[in-house]
Structures are given as C-alpha cells and as structure tokens.
Amino acid sequence: MAANTDTGHIKNVTNLETLISVVISLGDAYNPSKDGLKIPALQSLHSSANQAMVAFKNAESSNSTAIDVRELAFQPTGSLFTRVSNALKASGSSAQADETAKTIFRKLQGKRAGAKLTEEEKAALVAEGKDANQNSVSQMGYDDKVDNLEKLISLLQTIPEYNPNEEELKISTLQALLSDLKTKNNAVTQSRIVLETARGARNTVLYTPLTGVVDIGADVKSYIKSVFGVNSTQYKLVSKLRFVKL
C-alpha cells in the first residue's frame, strides 16, 4: 500500500511535468488569466514539488538507516544481559539485590513475572468481581530498554559484590553501551522528526487546496478544455493526465 502511495505522489509530479510540456507547445494560444496557471508559475511549482520529493526521499533513507543501525546495536544485548545476570548471581550479592535485579532483567528480556492468564482464568476472575486485565509487562520498546538498562546500571553500582573480571561485564562497559544505545535511539527519533517535517512539506506542495500540484493540474486541464473543446487534439493530450489527492 505504501509503495502504491509513493508511486502516486511521484506520478502527480511527473504528470505536472508532462502537462507543462504540452502547455508550452500550445504557444500563445495558452493564455490563462489566473497567474497560478501561467507557465512560469507552473514551472516554479514543479521545481518546488521536485525539491520536496527529493527532500522526503532523503529523509526517508536517513530514517531507515538510523533504524537499521539501532537494531544492530540492540541485537546482542539479550545475551549480554543474561551473562550479567549470571555474573551477579555468582558474585555473592544479597538475596534482596538479586530479586530487584531479577525484575529489571525480566523487563529487559521481555519476560512476564507470571504465566499469562488463560481465557478461562480471566472469566473466573470476572465472575469473582476481580480485574481480569493483564497488561503486558514486556517492555521491549527501545525507550524501555534504554530506561531499564539505566536502572540496572544504577542498581549494580550499589552492589559492591558485583565486580566481574570480564571487561564486557564491567559497569564501565555497560555505561559505555548505555551511552551508545541512547545515541542510536535518539538518532532514530531525530530522523523521524525530519522525515515527518519533509512529509508535511511534500504534502503542502502537492495537495494544498487551490495552489497545490493536484488542484493546479486539474485547473490547467479545465482551462485547456474550455479553450479548445473536449474533443480537441489539444485536450486529448492532457485528458488522461490524472492528478490524485492521496
């Protein structure tokens, strides 16, 4: 669906370019009173539309790259957190510290504190007048992962027994990892803002009522029809050029 929509945006701009070529070929016979339909205005609109399309595609590519980079950075963390968990258990830390850490590890790995309720169990709770809603405890969003890693590091800093010899399990290494993950996660957020801004600019050029590519294109076609007639060769050159609001 998205690919078809993208093709539709491009088609609107391409059809405007074709329409301008036809209009130029009409020479002095093309003489609309509305400034927005005159050739210089059409050329300026086409240039703006092209620039908006390029800016959107660049922003889309940057956002896609940022997402891929973030995904690659987060992929190895699951096994790392398991190793940190085992290192903590082997450190001789207190049962209370282990239990607190267990909660954080569970969130980092997207595990439930208990088994998921069956439909029968939910129905039984409802029958007893109890709340059967079981919200997911799987905090697997990237923001959640960053937040929970930060909590884990803060906890480990309070546990003197946690002092592994393995470099990748040290708190300083985890802090560096946290900083890197934050940077890559923020890059996605920022690139998404740029993408949405570019999308808005593109839509403004293409679809603003009266002045956008779609409405101007339709108006030019109507003008040609009015001047040369619906059965004219001139109108047939543009009649199949479609300008569609998406």
Foldseek 3Di string as FASTA:
>chain_A
DVVVVLVQLVLLLVLLVLLLVLLVVVPPLDDDPDPCLDNVNSVVLSVLLVVLNVLLVVLVVQLVVLVVVLCVLLVVVLVVLVVLLVLVVVLPWDPVLNVVLVLLNCQLNQHDPDDQDDPVRLVVCVVVVHHSDDDRSRNHDLVSNLVSLVVNLVSVVVTPSRDDPDPCNHSVNSVVSSVVSVVSVVSSVVSVVSNVVSVVSSCCQAPPPPNHSQNSLVVNLVSQCVSQNPPGPSSVSSVPSHRDRD
